[in-house]
C-alpha atoms as a PDB file:
ATOM      1  CA  MET A   1       0.156  -0.281  -0.152  1.00  0.00           C
ATOM      2  CA  GLN A   2       2.900   2.264   0.672  1.00  0.00           C
ATOM      3  CA  PHE A   3       4.002   2.336  -3.138  1.00  0.00           C
ATOM      4  CA  ILE A   4       0.722   3.030  -4.300  1.00  0.00           C
ATOM      5  CA  ALA A   5       0.689   6.067  -2.291  1.00  0.00           C
ATOM      6  CA  ILE A   6       4.501   7.064  -2.694  1.00  0.00           C
ATOM      7  CA  ALA A   7       3.603   6.198  -6.372  1.00  0.00           C
ATOM      8  CA  TYR A   8       0.512   8.223  -6.528  1.00  0.00           C
ATOM      9  CA  PHE A   9       2.188  11.468  -5.138  1.00  0.00           C
ATOM     10  CA  ILE A  10       5.652  11.602  -6.911  1.00  0.00           C
ATOM     11  CA  SER A  11       2.615  11.463  -9.955  1.00  0.00           C
ATOM     12  CA  VAL A  12       0.737  14.081  -8.260  1.00  0.00           C
ATOM     13  CA  GLY A  13       3.616  16.195  -8.316  1.00  0.00           C
ATOM     14  CA  ILE A  14       4.699  15.832 -12.137  1.00  0.00           C
ATOM     15  CA  PHE A  15       0.646  16.481 -13.598  1.00  0.00           C
ATOM     16  CA  GLY A  16       1.033  19.859 -10.453  1.00  0.00           C
ATOM     17  CA  LEU A  17       4.239  20.999 -13.047  1.00  0.00           C
ATOM     18  CA  TYR A  18       1.873  19.968 -16.034  1.00  0.00           C
ATOM     19  CA  TYR A  19      -0.754  21.674 -14.907  1.00  0.00           C
ATOM     20  CA  ASN A  20       0.589  24.582 -14.201  1.00  0.00           C
ATOM     21  CA  TYR A  21       1.784  24.597 -16.814  1.00  0.00           C
ATOM     22  CA  LEU A  22      -1.200  24.652 -19.063  1.00  0.00           C
ATOM     23  CA  TYR A  23      -3.193  26.912 -16.886  1.00  0.00           C
ATOM     24  CA  ALA A  24      -0.422  30.121 -17.288  1.00  0.00           C
ATOM     25  CA  GLN A  25      -0.465  29.396 -21.005  1.00  0.00           C
ATOM     26  CA  GLU A  26      -3.803  29.621 -21.130  1.00  0.00           C
ATOM     27  CA  ASN A  27      -4.703  31.974 -18.488  1.00  0.00           C
ATOM     28  CA  GLY A  28      -2.218  34.449 -18.524  1.00  0.00           C
ATOM     29  CA  PHE A  29       1.044  34.554 -16.396  1.00  0.00           C
ATOM     30  CA  LEU A  30      -0.851  37.246 -13.787  1.00  0.00           C
ATOM     31  CA  SER A  31      -3.696  35.222 -13.727  1.00  0.00           C
ATOM     32  CA  TRP A  32      -1.770  32.502 -12.558  1.00  0.00           C
ATOM     33  CA  LEU A  33      -0.449  34.070 -10.091  1.00  0.00           C
ATOM     34  CA  LEU A  34      -3.169  35.235  -7.831  1.00  0.00           C
ATOM     35  CA  PHE A  35      -5.346  31.496  -8.883  1.00  0.00           C
ATOM     36  CA  GLY A  36      -3.604  29.121 -11.206  1.00  0.00           C
ATOM     37  CA  GLU A  37      -1.246  27.813  -8.640  1.00  0.00           C
ATOM     38  CA  ILE A  38      -4.694  26.661  -6.363  1.00  0.00           C
ATOM     39  CA  ILE A  39      -6.010  25.011  -9.516  1.00  0.00           C
ATOM     40  CA  ALA A  40      -3.989  23.423 -10.670  1.00  0.00           C
ATOM     41  CA  THR A  41      -2.922  22.110  -7.941  1.00  0.00           C
ATOM     42  CA  LEU A  42      -6.641  20.549  -6.947  1.00  0.00           C
ATOM     43  CA  LYS A  43      -6.342  19.177 -10.229  1.00  0.00           C
ATOM     44  CA  ALA A  44      -2.983  17.782 -10.149  1.00  0.00           C
ATOM     45  CA  PHE A  45      -4.668  16.313  -7.059  1.00  0.00           C
ATOM     46  CA  ILE A  46      -7.331  14.463  -9.045  1.00  0.00           C
ATOM     47  CA  TRP A  47      -5.449  13.854 -12.367  1.00  0.00           C
ATOM     48  CA  PRO A  48      -6.851  10.592 -12.680  1.00  0.00           C
ATOM     49  CA  LEU A  49     -10.197  11.180 -12.911  1.00  0.00           C
ATOM     50  CA  ILE A  50      -9.080  13.968 -15.582  1.00  0.00           C
ATOM     51  CA  GLU A  51      -7.288  12.279 -17.522  1.00  0.00           C
ATOM     52  CA  PHE A  52      -9.118   8.684 -18.040  1.00  0.00           C
ATOM     53  CA  GLY A  53     -12.418  11.293 -19.015  1.00  0.00           C
ATOM     54  CA  PHE A  54     -14.278  10.121 -15.302  1.00  0.00           C
ATOM     55  CA  ILE A  55     -14.466  14.698 -15.023  1.00  0.00           C
ATOM     56  CA  ASN A  56     -14.393  16.942 -17.475  1.00  0.00           C
ATOM     57  CA  PHE A  57     -12.336  20.814 -16.956  1.00  0.00           C
END
């Protein structure tokens, strides 16, 4: 179980960087600076649901 948790949190870190980059590219730097970190981090925690199509953002 510990291996799965470690693998999940590593992937959250990777997808956190990915979603931060996407948010900054789509909405601009100032918007990312104000809201992007929060939104991108929340999206990173639910990345399997987003990437496999269960939730559409």
